Amino acid sequence: KAKAKNVSYNGIRYWISKSNHLGLKAEFLGVKGETFKHAEFK
């Protein structure tokens, strides 16, 4: 959940690997909590 209004996104769902704590996937959320884009990380 965003700490301030001027951050990148209102909210994010974020999947972090248990073994090495790397962020593998994210869903970026709008004002109403809707997903408006997805990201995958290598």
PDB file of all heavy atoms in Angstrom:
ATOM      1  N   LYS A   1       0.843  -1.186   0.000  1.00  0.00           N
ATOM      2  CA  LYS A   1       0.000   0.000   0.000  1.00  0.00           C
ATOM      3  C   LYS A   1       0.884   1.244   0.000  1.00  0.00           C
ATOM      4  O   LYS A   1       1.827   1.345   0.788  1.00  0.00           O
ATOM      5  CB  LYS A   1      -0.916   0.024   1.228  1.00  0.00           C
ATOM      6  CG  LYS A   1      -1.790  -1.220   1.395  1.00  0.00           C
ATOM      7  CD  LYS A   1      -2.781  -1.369   0.251  1.00  0.00           C
ATOM      8  CE  LYS A   1      -3.678  -2.587   0.485  1.00  0.00           C
ATOM      9  NZ  LYS A   1      -4.613  -2.810  -0.648  1.00  0.00           N
ATOM     10  N   ALA A   2       0.568   2.194  -0.863  1.00  0.00           N
ATOM     11  CA  ALA A   2       1.370   3.406  -0.982  1.00  0.00           C
ATOM     12  C   ALA A   2       1.393   4.207   0.306  1.00  0.00           C
ATOM     13  O   ALA A   2       0.366   4.368   0.971  1.00  0.00           O
ATOM     14  CB  ALA A   2       0.836   4.269  -2.117  1.00  0.00           C
ATOM     15  N   LYS A   3       2.577   4.716   0.661  1.00  0.00           N
ATOM     16  CA  LYS A   3       2.724   5.553   1.850  1.00  0.00           C
ATOM     17  C   LYS A   3       2.402   7.017   1.566  1.00  0.00           C
ATOM     18  O   LYS A   3       2.191   7.800   2.490  1.00  0.00           O
ATOM     19  CB  LYS A   3       4.152   5.460   2.386  1.00  0.00           C
ATOM     20  CG  LYS A   3       4.532   4.098   2.946  1.00  0.00           C
ATOM     21  CD  LYS A   3       5.964   4.102   3.460  1.00  0.00           C
ATOM     22  CE  LYS A   3       6.363   2.771   4.047  1.00  0.00           C
ATOM     23  NZ  LYS A   3       7.773   2.769   4.527  1.00  0.00           N
ATOM     24  N   ALA A   4       2.416   7.412   0.286  1.00  0.00           N
ATOM     25  CA  ALA A   4       2.179   8.806  -0.086  1.00  0.00           C
ATOM     26  C   ALA A   4       1.495   8.848  -1.450  1.00  0.00           C
ATOM     27  O   ALA A   4       1.453   7.849  -2.173  1.00  0.00           O
ATOM     28  CB  ALA A   4       3.498   9.585  -0.119  1.00  0.00           C
ATOM     29  N   LYS A   5       0.976  10.014  -1.813  1.00  0.00           N
ATOM     30  CA  LYS A   5       0.246  10.140  -3.073  1.00  0.00           C
ATOM     31  C   LYS A   5       1.165  10.225  -4.283  1.00  0.00           C
ATOM     32  O   LYS A   5       0.735   9.971  -5.407  1.00  0.00           O
ATOM     33  CB  LYS A   5      -0.659  11.382  -3.021  1.00  0.00           C
ATOM     34  CG  LYS A   5      -1.808  11.255  -2.038  1.00  0.00           C
ATOM     35  CD  LYS A   5      -2.696  12.486  -2.091  1.00  0.00           C
ATOM     36  CE  LYS A   5      -3.880  12.342  -1.140  1.00  0.00           C
ATOM     37  NZ  LYS A   5      -4.767  13.538  -1.166  1.00  0.00           N
ATOM     38  N   ASN A   6       2.419  10.614  -4.081  1.00  0.00           N
ATOM     39  CA  ASN A   6       3.311  10.815  -5.214  1.00  0.00           C
ATOM     40  C   ASN A   6       4.236   9.627  -5.483  1.00  0.00           C
ATOM     41  O   ASN A   6       5.283   9.780  -6.099  1.00  0.00           O
ATOM     42  CB  ASN A   6       4.143  12.079  -5.018  1.00  0.00           C
ATOM     43  CG  ASN A   6       5.043  12.020  -3.791  1.00  0.00           C
ATOM     44  OD1 ASN A   6       4.785  11.261  -2.859  1.00  0.00           O
ATOM     45  ND2 ASN A   6       6.093  12.832  -3.790  1.00  0.00           N
ATOM     46  N   VAL A   7       3.853   8.429  -5.027  1.00  0.00           N
ATOM     47  CA  VAL A   7       4.637   7.246  -5.353  1.00  0.00           C
ATOM     48  C   VAL A   7       4.170   6.692  -6.694  1.00  0.00           C
ATOM     49  O   VAL A   7       3.178   7.148  -7.264  1.00  0.00           O
ATOM     50  CB  VAL A   7       4.543   6.167  -4.250  1.00  0.00           C
ATOM     51  CG1 VAL A   7       5.009   6.742  -2.924  1.00  0.00           C
ATOM     52  CG2 VAL A   7       3.125   5.641  -4.116  1.00  0.00           C
ATOM     53  N   SER A   8       4.878   5.683  -7.188  1.00  0.00           N
ATOM     54  CA  SER A   8       4.648   5.193  -8.547  1.00  0.00           C
ATOM     55  C   SER A   8       3.253   4.615  -8.744  1.00  0.00           C
ATOM     56  O   SER A   8       2.615   4.839  -9.773  1.00  0.00           O
ATOM     57  CB  SER A   8       5.694   4.126  -8.898  1.00  0.00           C
ATOM     58  OG  SER A   8       6.992   4.601  -8.655  1.00  0.00           O
ATOM     59  N   TYR A   9       2.765   3.847  -7.753  1.00  0.00           N
ATOM     60  CA  TYR A   9       1.480   3.164  -7.889  1.00  0.00           C
ATOM     61  C   TYR A   9       0.702   3.241  -6.577  1.00  0.00           C
ATOM     62  O   TYR A   9       1.284   3.327  -5.502  1.00  0.00           O
ATOM     63  CB  TYR A   9       1.700   1.695  -8.269  1.00  0.00           C
ATOM     64  CG  TYR A   9       2.510   1.533  -9.531  1.00  0.00           C
ATOM     65  CD1 TYR A   9       3.853   1.157  -9.477  1.00  0.00           C
ATOM     66  CD2 TYR A   9       1.939   1.778 -10.775  1.00  0.00           C
ATOM     67  CE1 TYR A   9       4.603   1.034 -10.639  1.00  0.00           C
ATOM     68  CE2 TYR A   9       2.687   1.656 -11.937  1.00  0.00           C
ATOM     69  CZ  TYR A   9       4.018   1.290 -11.864  1.00  0.00           C
ATOM     70  OH  TYR A   9       4.760   1.178 -13.009  1.00  0.00           O
ATOM     71  N   ASN A  10      -0.638   3.179  -6.677  1.00  0.00           N
ATOM     72  CA  ASN A  10      -1.465   3.186  -5.472  1.00  0.00           C
ATOM     73  C   ASN A  10      -1.253   1.921  -4.645  1.00  0.00           C
ATOM     74  O   ASN A  10      -1.254   1.946  -3.424  1.00  0.00           O
ATOM     75  CB  ASN A  10      -2.942   3.307  -5.856  1.00  0.00           C
ATOM     76  CG  ASN A  10      -3.263   4.660  -6.447  1.00  0.00           C
ATOM     77  OD1 ASN A  10      -3.143   5.674  -5.776  1.00  0.00           O
ATOM     78  ND2 ASN A  10      -3.649   4.684  -7.716  1.00  0.00           N
ATOM     79  N   GLY A  11      -1.086   0.811  -5.327  1.00  0.00           N
ATOM     80  CA  GLY A  11      -0.867  -0.455  -4.655  1.00  0.00           C
ATOM     81  C   GLY A  11      -0.224  -1.455  -5.593  1.00  0.00           C
ATOM     82  O   GLY A  11      -0.260  -1.297  -6.819  1.00  0.00           O
ATOM     83  N   ILE A  12       0.397  -2.479  -5.014  1.00  0.00           N
ATOM     84  CA  ILE A  12       1.089  -3.501  -5.802  1.00  0.00           C
ATOM     85  C   ILE A  12       0.862  -4.859  -5.148  1.00  0.00           C
ATOM     86  O   ILE A  12       0.924  -4.981  -3.918  1.00  0.00           O
ATOM     87  CB  ILE A  12       2.614  -3.234  -5.870  1.00  0.00           C
ATOM     88  CG1 ILE A  12       2.902  -1.847  -6.458  1.00  0.00           C
ATOM     89  CG2 ILE A  12       3.318  -4.303  -6.700  1.00  0.00           C
ATOM     90  CD1 ILE A  12       4.364  -1.444  -6.372  1.00  0.00           C
ATOM     91  N   ARG A  13       0.587  -5.864  -5.955  1.00  0.00           N
ATOM     92  CA  ARG A  13       0.695  -7.247  -5.497  1.00  0.00           C
ATOM     93  C   ARG A  13       2.053  -7.734  -5.970  1.00  0.00           C
ATOM     94  O   ARG A  13       2.400  -7.602  -7.139  1.00  0.00           O
ATOM     95  CB  ARG A  13      -0.423  -8.118  -6.084  1.00  0.00           C
ATOM     96  CG  ARG A  13      -1.812  -7.736  -5.620  1.00  0.00           C
ATOM     97  CD  ARG A  13      -2.844  -8.781  -6.043  1.00  0.00           C
ATOM     98  NE  ARG A  13      -4.188  -8.273  -5.831  1.00  0.00           N
ATOM     99  CZ  ARG A  13      -4.957  -7.760  -6.784  1.00  0.00           C
ATOM    100  NH1 ARG A  13      -4.509  -7.717  -8.035  1.00  0.00           N
ATOM    101  NH2 ARG A  13      -6.154  -7.306  -6.512  1.00  0.00           N
ATOM    102  N   TYR A  14       2.804  -8.323  -5.055  1.00  0.00           N
ATOM    103  CA  TYR A  14       4.221  -8.590  -5.338  1.00  0.00           C
ATOM    104  C   TYR A  14       4.576  -9.993  -4.861  1.00  0.00           C
ATOM    105  O   TYR A  14       4.282 -10.352  -3.709  1.00  0.00           O
ATOM    106  CB  TYR A  14       5.060  -7.544  -4.598  1.00  0.00           C
ATOM    107  CG  TYR A  14       6.479  -7.352  -5.058  1.00  0.00           C
ATOM    108  CD1 TYR A  14       6.866  -7.539  -6.374  1.00  0.00           C
ATOM    109  CD2 TYR A  14       7.454  -6.935  -4.142  1.00  0.00           C
ATOM    110  CE1 TYR A  14       8.169  -7.324  -6.774  1.00  0.00           C
ATOM    111  CE2 TYR A  14       8.764  -6.713  -4.529  1.00  0.00           C
ATOM    112  CZ  TYR A  14       9.116  -6.912  -5.857  1.00  0.00           C
ATOM    113  OH  TYR A  14      10.406  -6.702  -6.252  1.00  0.00           O
ATOM    114  N   TRP A  15       5.194 -10.767  -5.738  1.00  0.00           N
ATOM    115  CA  TRP A  15       5.600 -12.131  -5.408  1.00  0.00           C
ATOM    116  C   TRP A  15       7.119 -12.177  -5.281  1.00  0.00           C
ATOM    117  O   TRP A  15       7.849 -11.874  -6.234  1.00  0.00           O
ATOM    118  CB  TRP A  15       5.148 -13.092  -6.493  1.00  0.00           C
ATOM    119  CG  TRP A  15       3.678 -13.379  -6.482  1.00  0.00           C
ATOM    120  CD1 TRP A  15       3.052 -14.485  -5.963  1.00  0.00           C
ATOM    121  CD2 TRP A  15       2.622 -12.557  -7.031  1.00  0.00           C
ATOM    122  NE1 TRP A  15       1.688 -14.405  -6.151  1.00  0.00           N
ATOM    123  CE2 TRP A  15       1.394 -13.234  -6.794  1.00  0.00           C
ATOM    124  CE3 TRP A  15       2.588 -11.326  -7.684  1.00  0.00           C
ATOM    125  CZ2 TRP A  15       0.161 -12.718  -7.213  1.00  0.00           C
ATOM    126  CZ3 TRP A  15       1.368 -10.807  -8.086  1.00  0.00           C
ATOM    127  CH2 TRP A  15       0.174 -11.504  -7.844  1.00  0.00           C
ATOM    128  N   ILE A  16       7.615 -12.557  -4.094  1.00  0.00           N
ATOM    129  CA  ILE A  16       9.047 -12.572  -3.801  1.00  0.00           C
ATOM    130  C   ILE A  16       9.479 -13.998  -3.481  1.00  0.00           C
ATOM    131  O   ILE A  16       8.880 -14.674  -2.639  1.00  0.00           O
ATOM    132  CB  ILE A  16       9.389 -11.642  -2.622  1.00  0.00           C
ATOM    133  CG1 ILE A  16       8.992 -10.194  -2.959  1.00  0.00           C
ATOM    134  CG2 ILE A  16      10.864 -11.716  -2.262  1.00  0.00           C
ATOM    135  CD1 ILE A  16       9.240  -9.205  -1.837  1.00  0.00           C
ATOM    136  N   SER A  17      10.528 -14.447  -4.140  1.00  0.00           N
ATOM    137  CA  SER A  17      11.032 -15.806  -3.960  1.00  0.00           C
ATOM    138  C   SER A  17      11.432 -16.056  -2.512  1.00  0.00           C
ATOM    139  O   SER A  17      12.094 -15.228  -1.876  1.00  0.00           O
ATOM    140  CB  SER A  17      12.244 -16.031  -4.874  1.00  0.00           C
ATOM    141  OG  SER A  17      12.950 -17.189  -4.509  1.00  0.00           O
ATOM    142  N   LYS A  18      11.044 -17.220  -1.995  1.00  0.00           N
ATOM    143  CA  LYS A  18      11.423 -17.581  -0.631  1.00  0.00           C
ATOM    144  C   LYS A  18      12.916 -17.867  -0.518  1.00  0.00           C
ATOM    145  O   LYS A  18      13.531 -17.592   0.513  1.00  0.00           O
ATOM    146  CB  LYS A  18      10.643 -18.821  -0.179  1.00  0.00           C
ATOM    147  CG  LYS A  18       9.174 -18.582   0.082  1.00  0.00           C
ATOM    148  CD  LYS A  18       8.535 -19.847   0.645  1.00  0.00           C
ATOM    149  CE  LYS A  18       7.075 -19.643   0.975  1.00  0.00           C
ATOM    150  NZ  LYS A  18       6.482 -20.857   1.586  1.00  0.00           N
ATOM    151  N   SER A  19      13.506 -18.420  -1.555  1.00  0.00           N
ATOM    152  CA  SER A  19      14.889 -18.888  -1.461  1.00  0.00           C
ATOM    153  C   SER A  19      15.915 -17.769  -1.507  1.00  0.00           C
ATOM    154  O   SER A  19      16.913 -17.798  -0.792  1.00  0.00           O
ATOM    155  CB  SER A  19      15.186 -19.898  -2.575  1.00  0.00           C
ATOM    156  OG  SER A  19      15.022 -19.289  -3.854  1.00  0.00           O
ATOM    157  N   ASN A  20      15.679 -16.749  -2.347  1.00  0.00           N
ATOM    158  CA  ASN A  20      16.698 -15.700  -2.490  1.00  0.00           C
ATOM    159  C   ASN A  20      16.142 -14.280  -2.394  1.00  0.00           C
ATOM    160  O   ASN A  20      16.855 -13.312  -2.637  1.00  0.00           O
ATOM    161  CB  ASN A  20      17.456 -15.860  -3.813  1.00  0.00           C
ATOM    162  CG  ASN A  20      16.519 -15.958  -5.010  1.00  0.00           C
ATOM    163  OD1 ASN A  20      15.359 -15.554  -4.940  1.00  0.00           O
ATOM    164  ND2 ASN A  20      17.020 -16.497  -6.114  1.00  0.00           N
ATOM    165  N   HIS A  21      14.858 -14.158  -2.062  1.00  0.00           N
ATOM    166  CA  HIS A  21      14.216 -12.852  -1.838  1.00  0.00           C
ATOM    167  C   HIS A  21      14.267 -11.946  -3.070  1.00  0.00           C
ATOM    168  O   HIS A  21      14.373 -10.723  -2.939  1.00  0.00           O
ATOM    169  CB  HIS A  21      14.829 -12.142  -0.631  1.00  0.00           C
ATOM    170  CG  HIS A  21      14.559 -12.821   0.661  1.00  0.00           C
ATOM    171  ND1 HIS A  21      14.924 -12.289   1.882  1.00  0.00           N
ATOM    172  CD2 HIS A  21      13.952 -14.009   0.951  1.00  0.00           C
ATOM    173  CE1 HIS A  21      14.563 -13.118   2.845  1.00  0.00           C
ATOM    174  NE2 HIS A  21      13.968 -14.169   2.306  1.00  0.00           N
ATOM    175  N   LEU A  22      14.152 -12.525  -4.258  1.00  0.00           N
ATOM    176  CA  LEU A  22      14.077 -11.748  -5.490  1.00  0.00           C
ATOM    177  C   LEU A  22      12.611 -11.576  -5.883  1.00  0.00           C
ATOM    178  O   LEU A  22      11.826 -12.528  -5.827  1.00  0.00           O
ATOM    179  CB  LEU A  22      14.836 -12.435  -6.626  1.00  0.00           C
ATOM    180  CG  LEU A  22      16.341 -12.620  -6.417  1.00  0.00           C
ATOM    181  CD1 LEU A  22      16.946 -13.368  -7.601  1.00  0.00           C
ATOM    182  CD2 LEU A  22      17.035 -11.271  -6.232  1.00  0.00           C
ATOM    183  N   GLY A  23      12.241 -10.365  -6.294  1.00  0.00           N
ATOM    184  CA  GLY A  23      10.888 -10.119  -6.761  1.00  0.00           C
ATOM    185  C   GLY A  23      10.702 -10.701  -8.155  1.00  0.00           C
ATOM    186  O   GLY A  23      11.402 -10.311  -9.089  1.00  0.00           O
ATOM    187  N   LEU A  24       9.765 -11.631  -8.319  1.00  0.00           N
ATOM    188  CA  LEU A  24       9.602 -12.333  -9.591  1.00  0.00           C
ATOM    189  C   LEU A  24       8.422 -11.832 -10.417  1.00  0.00           C
ATOM    190  O   LEU A  24       8.449 -11.909 -11.644  1.00  0.00           O
ATOM    191  CB  LEU A  24       9.427 -13.837  -9.343  1.00  0.00           C
ATOM    192  CG  LEU A  24      10.580 -14.551  -8.620  1.00  0.00           C
ATOM    193  CD1 LEU A  24      10.307 -16.053  -8.581  1.00  0.00           C
ATOM    194  CD2 LEU A  24      11.914 -14.260  -9.294  1.00  0.00           C
ATOM    195  N   LYS A  25       7.407 -11.314  -9.760  1.00  0.00           N
ATOM    196  CA  LYS A  25       6.204 -10.894 -10.480  1.00  0.00           C
ATOM    197  C   LYS A  25       5.507  -9.790  -9.705  1.00  0.00           C
ATOM    198  O   LYS A  25       5.581  -9.737  -8.478  1.00  0.00           O
ATOM    199  CB  LYS A  25       5.257 -12.092 -10.653  1.00  0.00           C
ATOM    200  CG  LYS A  25       4.039 -11.820 -11.522  1.00  0.00           C
ATOM    201  CD  LYS A  25       3.222 -13.084 -11.760  1.00  0.00           C
ATOM    202  CE  LYS A  25       2.328 -13.409 -10.600  1.00  0.00           C
ATOM    203  NZ  LYS A  25       1.321 -14.461 -10.916  1.00  0.00           N
ATOM    204  N   ALA A  26       4.820  -8.903 -10.447  1.00  0.00           N
ATOM    205  CA  ALA A  26       4.064  -7.833  -9.790  1.00  0.00           C
ATOM    206  C   ALA A  26       2.800  -7.534 -10.580  1.00  0.00           C
ATOM    207  O   ALA A  26       2.763  -7.690 -11.806  1.00  0.00           O
ATOM    208  CB  ALA A  26       4.910  -6.570  -9.669  1.00  0.00           C
ATOM    209  N   GLU A  27       1.783  -7.120  -9.864  1.00  0.00           N
ATOM    210  CA  GLU A  27       0.568  -6.568 -10.464  1.00  0.00           C
ATOM    211  C   GLU A  27       0.391  -5.174  -9.894  1.00  0.00           C
ATOM    212  O   GLU A  27       0.381  -4.988  -8.667  1.00  0.00           O
ATOM    213  CB  GLU A  27      -0.654  -7.431 -10.140  1.00  0.00           C
ATOM    214  CG  GLU A  27      -0.616  -8.804 -10.778  1.00  0.00           C
ATOM    215  CD  GLU A  27      -1.810  -9.663 -10.391  1.00  0.00           C
ATOM    216  OE1 GLU A  27      -2.622  -9.214  -9.545  1.00  0.00           O
ATOM    217  OE2 GLU A  27      -1.927 -10.781 -10.927  1.00  0.00           O
ATOM    218  N   PHE A  28       0.278  -4.178 -10.780  1.00  0.00           N
ATOM    219  CA  PHE A  28       0.167  -2.792 -10.357  1.00  0.00           C
ATOM    220  C   PHE A  28      -1.301  -2.383 -10.343  1.00  0.00           C
ATOM    221  O   PHE A  28      -2.040  -2.646 -11.294  1.00  0.00           O
ATOM    222  CB  PHE A  28       0.987  -1.895 -11.277  1.00  0.00           C
ATOM    223  CG  PHE A  28       2.442  -2.287 -11.334  1.00  0.00           C
ATOM    224  CD1 PHE A  28       2.971  -2.899 -12.454  1.00  0.00           C
ATOM    225  CD2 PHE A  28       3.273  -2.060 -10.257  1.00  0.00           C
ATOM    226  CE1 PHE A  28       4.306  -3.280 -12.510  1.00  0.00           C
ATOM    227  CE2 PHE A  28       4.610  -2.429 -10.293  1.00  0.00           C
ATOM    228  CZ  PHE A  28       5.127  -3.043 -11.420  1.00  0.00           C
ATOM    229  N   LEU A  29      -1.705  -1.731  -9.252  1.00  0.00           N
ATOM    230  CA  LEU A  29      -3.115  -1.493  -8.994  1.00  0.00           C
ATOM    231  C   LEU A  29      -3.481  -0.014  -9.107  1.00  0.00           C
ATOM    232  O   LEU A  29      -2.700   0.865  -8.743  1.00  0.00           O
ATOM    233  CB  LEU A  29      -3.484  -1.989  -7.595  1.00  0.00           C
ATOM    234  CG  LEU A  29      -3.030  -3.416  -7.240  1.00  0.00           C
ATOM    235  CD1 LEU A  29      -3.434  -3.763  -5.812  1.00  0.00           C
ATOM    236  CD2 LEU A  29      -3.594  -4.435  -8.234  1.00  0.00           C
ATOM    237  N   GLY A  30      -4.701   0.224  -9.598  1.00  0.00           N
ATOM    238  CA  GLY A  30      -5.218   1.574  -9.714  1.00  0.00           C
ATOM    239  C   GLY A  30      -5.896   2.017  -8.426  1.00  0.00           C
ATOM    240  O   GLY A  30      -5.848   1.348  -7.392  1.00  0.00           O
ATOM    241  N   VAL A  31      -6.560   3.164  -8.496  1.00  0.00           N
ATOM    242  CA  VAL A  31      -7.191   3.773  -7.321  1.00  0.00           C
ATOM    243  C   VAL A  31      -8.251   2.853  -6.712  1.00  0.00           C
ATOM    244  O   VAL A  31      -8.399   2.762  -5.493  1.00  0.00           O
ATOM    245  CB  VAL A  31      -7.822   5.132  -7.705  1.00  0.00           C
ATOM    246  CG1 VAL A  31      -8.550   5.735  -6.514  1.00  0.00           C
ATOM    247  CG2 VAL A  31      -6.760   6.101  -8.202  1.00  0.00           C
ATOM    248  N   LYS A  32      -8.980   2.136  -7.556  1.00  0.00           N
ATOM    249  CA  LYS A  32     -10.049   1.260  -7.082  1.00  0.00           C
ATOM    250  C   LYS A  32      -9.579  -0.167  -6.804  1.00  0.00           C
ATOM    251  O   LYS A  32     -10.383  -1.056  -6.542  1.00  0.00           O
ATOM    252  CB  LYS A  32     -11.186   1.248  -8.097  1.00  0.00           C
ATOM    253  CG  LYS A  32     -11.835   2.610  -8.302  1.00  0.00           C
ATOM    254  CD  LYS A  32     -12.958   2.538  -9.326  1.00  0.00           C
ATOM    255  CE  LYS A  32     -13.608   3.906  -9.530  1.00  0.00           C
ATOM    256  NZ  LYS A  32     -14.701   3.858 -10.541  1.00  0.00           N
ATOM    257  N   GLY A  33      -8.262  -0.375  -6.877  1.00  0.00           N
ATOM    258  CA  GLY A  33      -7.722  -1.703  -6.619  1.00  0.00           C
ATOM    259  C   GLY A  33      -7.687  -2.610  -7.829  1.00  0.00           C
ATOM    260  O   GLY A  33      -7.347  -3.787  -7.713  1.00  0.00           O
ATOM    261  N   GLU A  34      -8.014  -2.054  -8.997  1.00  0.00           N
ATOM    262  CA  GLU A  34      -7.998  -2.863 -10.215  1.00  0.00           C
ATOM    263  C   GLU A  34      -6.580  -3.016 -10.750  1.00  0.00           C
ATOM    264  O   GLU A  34      -5.740  -2.126 -10.608  1.00  0.00           O
ATOM    265  CB  GLU A  34      -8.890  -2.214 -11.281  1.00  0.00           C
ATOM    266  CG  GLU A  34      -8.326  -0.982 -11.982  1.00  0.00           C
ATOM    267  CD  GLU A  34      -8.388   0.309 -11.174  1.00  0.00           C
ATOM    268  OE1 GLU A  34      -8.758   0.256  -9.975  1.00  0.00           O
ATOM    269  OE2 GLU A  34      -8.058   1.372 -11.738  1.00  0.00           O
ATOM    270  N   THR A  35      -6.288  -4.169 -11.353  1.00  0.00           N
ATOM    271  CA  THR A  35      -4.973  -4.400 -11.963  1.00  0.00           C
ATOM    272  C   THR A  35      -4.935  -3.730 -13.330  1.00  0.00           C
ATOM    273  O   THR A  35      -5.767  -4.016 -14.191  1.00  0.00           O
ATOM    274  CB  THR A  35      -4.699  -5.900 -12.130  1.00  0.00           C
ATOM    275  OG1 THR A  35      -4.744  -6.529 -10.843  1.00  0.00           O
ATOM    276  CG2 THR A  35      -3.337  -6.142 -12.757  1.00  0.00           C
ATOM    277  N   PHE A  36      -3.980  -2.825 -13.537  1.00  0.00           N
ATOM    278  CA  PHE A  36      -3.908  -2.181 -14.839  1.00  0.00           C
ATOM    279  C   PHE A  36      -2.632  -2.529 -15.612  1.00  0.00           C
ATOM    280  O   PHE A  36      -2.530  -2.253 -16.806  1.00  0.00           O
ATOM    281  CB  PHE A  36      -4.088  -0.661 -14.738  1.00  0.00           C
ATOM    282  CG  PHE A  36      -2.965   0.075 -14.058  1.00  0.00           C
ATOM    283  CD1 PHE A  36      -1.943   0.638 -14.793  1.00  0.00           C
ATOM    284  CD2 PHE A  36      -2.959   0.234 -12.681  1.00  0.00           C
ATOM    285  CE1 PHE A  36      -0.917   1.329 -14.176  1.00  0.00           C
ATOM    286  CE2 PHE A  36      -1.946   0.925 -12.046  1.00  0.00           C
ATOM    287  CZ  PHE A  36      -0.921   1.482 -12.795  1.00  0.00           C
ATOM    288  N   LYS A  37      -1.659  -3.169 -14.944  1.00  0.00           N
ATOM    289  CA  LYS A  37      -0.551  -3.741 -15.699  1.00  0.00           C
ATOM    290  C   LYS A  37       0.169  -4.803 -14.874  1.00  0.00           C
ATOM    291  O   LYS A  37       0.064  -4.847 -13.640  1.00  0.00           O
ATOM    292  CB  LYS A  37       0.410  -2.675 -16.215  1.00  0.00           C
ATOM    293  CG  LYS A  37       1.164  -1.865 -15.184  1.00  0.00           C
ATOM    294  CD  LYS A  37       2.034  -0.824 -15.912  1.00  0.00           C
ATOM    295  CE  LYS A  37       2.863  -0.003 -14.949  1.00  0.00           C
ATOM    296  NZ  LYS A  37       3.700   0.991 -15.644  1.00  0.00           N
ATOM    297  N   HIS A  38       0.864  -5.676 -15.581  1.00  0.00           N
ATOM    298  CA  HIS A  38       1.592  -6.793 -14.983  1.00  0.00           C
ATOM    299  C   HIS A  38       3.083  -6.628 -15.296  1.00  0.00           C
ATOM    300  O   HIS A  38       3.452  -6.035 -16.310  1.00  0.00           O
ATOM    301  CB  HIS A  38       1.138  -8.129 -15.566  1.00  0.00           C
ATOM    302  CG  HIS A  38      -0.337  -8.352 -15.545  1.00  0.00           C
ATOM    303  ND1 HIS A  38      -0.985  -8.958 -14.490  1.00  0.00           N
ATOM    304  CD2 HIS A  38      -1.300  -8.057 -16.450  1.00  0.00           C
ATOM    305  CE1 HIS A  38      -2.277  -9.029 -14.749  1.00  0.00           C
ATOM    306  NE2 HIS A  38      -2.508  -8.485 -15.930  1.00  0.00           N
ATOM    307  N   ALA A  39       3.930  -7.200 -14.445  1.00  0.00           N
ATOM    308  CA  ALA A  39       5.366  -7.190 -14.708  1.00  0.00           C
ATOM    309  C   ALA A  39       5.997  -8.501 -14.268  1.00  0.00           C
ATOM    310  O   ALA A  39       5.576  -9.105 -13.281  1.00  0.00           O
ATOM    311  CB  ALA A  39       6.036  -6.014 -13.999  1.00  0.00           C
ATOM    312  N   GLU A  40       6.996  -8.924 -15.016  1.00  0.00           N
ATOM    313  CA  GLU A  40       7.807 -10.094 -14.658  1.00  0.00           C
ATOM    314  C   GLU A  40       9.270  -9.669 -14.664  1.00  0.00           C
ATOM    315  O   GLU A  40       9.687  -8.866 -15.506  1.00  0.00           O
ATOM    316  CB  GLU A  40       7.576 -11.237 -15.639  1.00  0.00           C
ATOM    317  CG  GLU A  40       6.148 -11.766 -15.630  1.00  0.00           C
ATOM    318  CD  GLU A  40       5.927 -12.857 -16.673  1.00  0.00           C
ATOM    319  OE1 GLU A  40       6.873 -13.142 -17.450  1.00  0.00           O
ATOM    320  OE2 GLU A  40       4.817 -13.404 -16.728  1.00  0.00           O
ATOM    321  N   PHE A  41      10.055 -10.226 -13.718  1.00  0.00           N
ATOM    322  CA  PHE A  41      11.439  -9.791 -13.529  1.00  0.00           C
ATOM    323  C   PHE A  41      12.400 -10.975 -13.632  1.00  0.00           C
ATOM    324  O   PHE A  41      12.114 -12.061 -13.120  1.00  0.00           O
ATOM    325  CB  PHE A  41      11.604  -9.133 -12.156  1.00  0.00           C
ATOM    326  CG  PHE A  41      10.568  -8.094 -11.852  1.00  0.00           C
ATOM    327  CD1 PHE A  41       9.443  -8.411 -11.102  1.00  0.00           C
ATOM    328  CD2 PHE A  41      10.698  -6.790 -12.313  1.00  0.00           C
ATOM    329  CE1 PHE A  41       8.472  -7.462 -10.813  1.00  0.00           C
ATOM    330  CE2 PHE A  41       9.739  -5.832 -12.025  1.00  0.00           C
ATOM    331  CZ  PHE A  41       8.611  -6.172 -11.277  1.00  0.00           C
ATOM    332  N   LYS A  42      13.541 -10.742 -14.305  1.00  0.00           N
ATOM    333  CA  LYS A  42      14.599 -11.743 -14.406  1.00  0.00           C
ATOM    334  C   LYS A  42      15.886 -11.170 -13.821  1.00  0.00           C
ATOM    335  O   LYS A  42      16.113  -9.955 -13.826  1.00  0.00           O
ATOM    336  CB  LYS A  42      14.831 -12.148 -15.867  1.00  0.00           C
ATOM    337  CG  LYS A  42      13.596 -12.723 -16.568  1.00  0.00           C
ATOM    338  CD  LYS A  42      13.168 -14.045 -15.955  1.00  0.00           C
ATOM    339  CE  LYS A  42      11.979 -14.628 -16.696  1.00  0.00           C
ATOM    340  NZ  LYS A  42      11.496 -15.892 -16.072  1.00  0.00           N
TER     341      LYS A  42
END
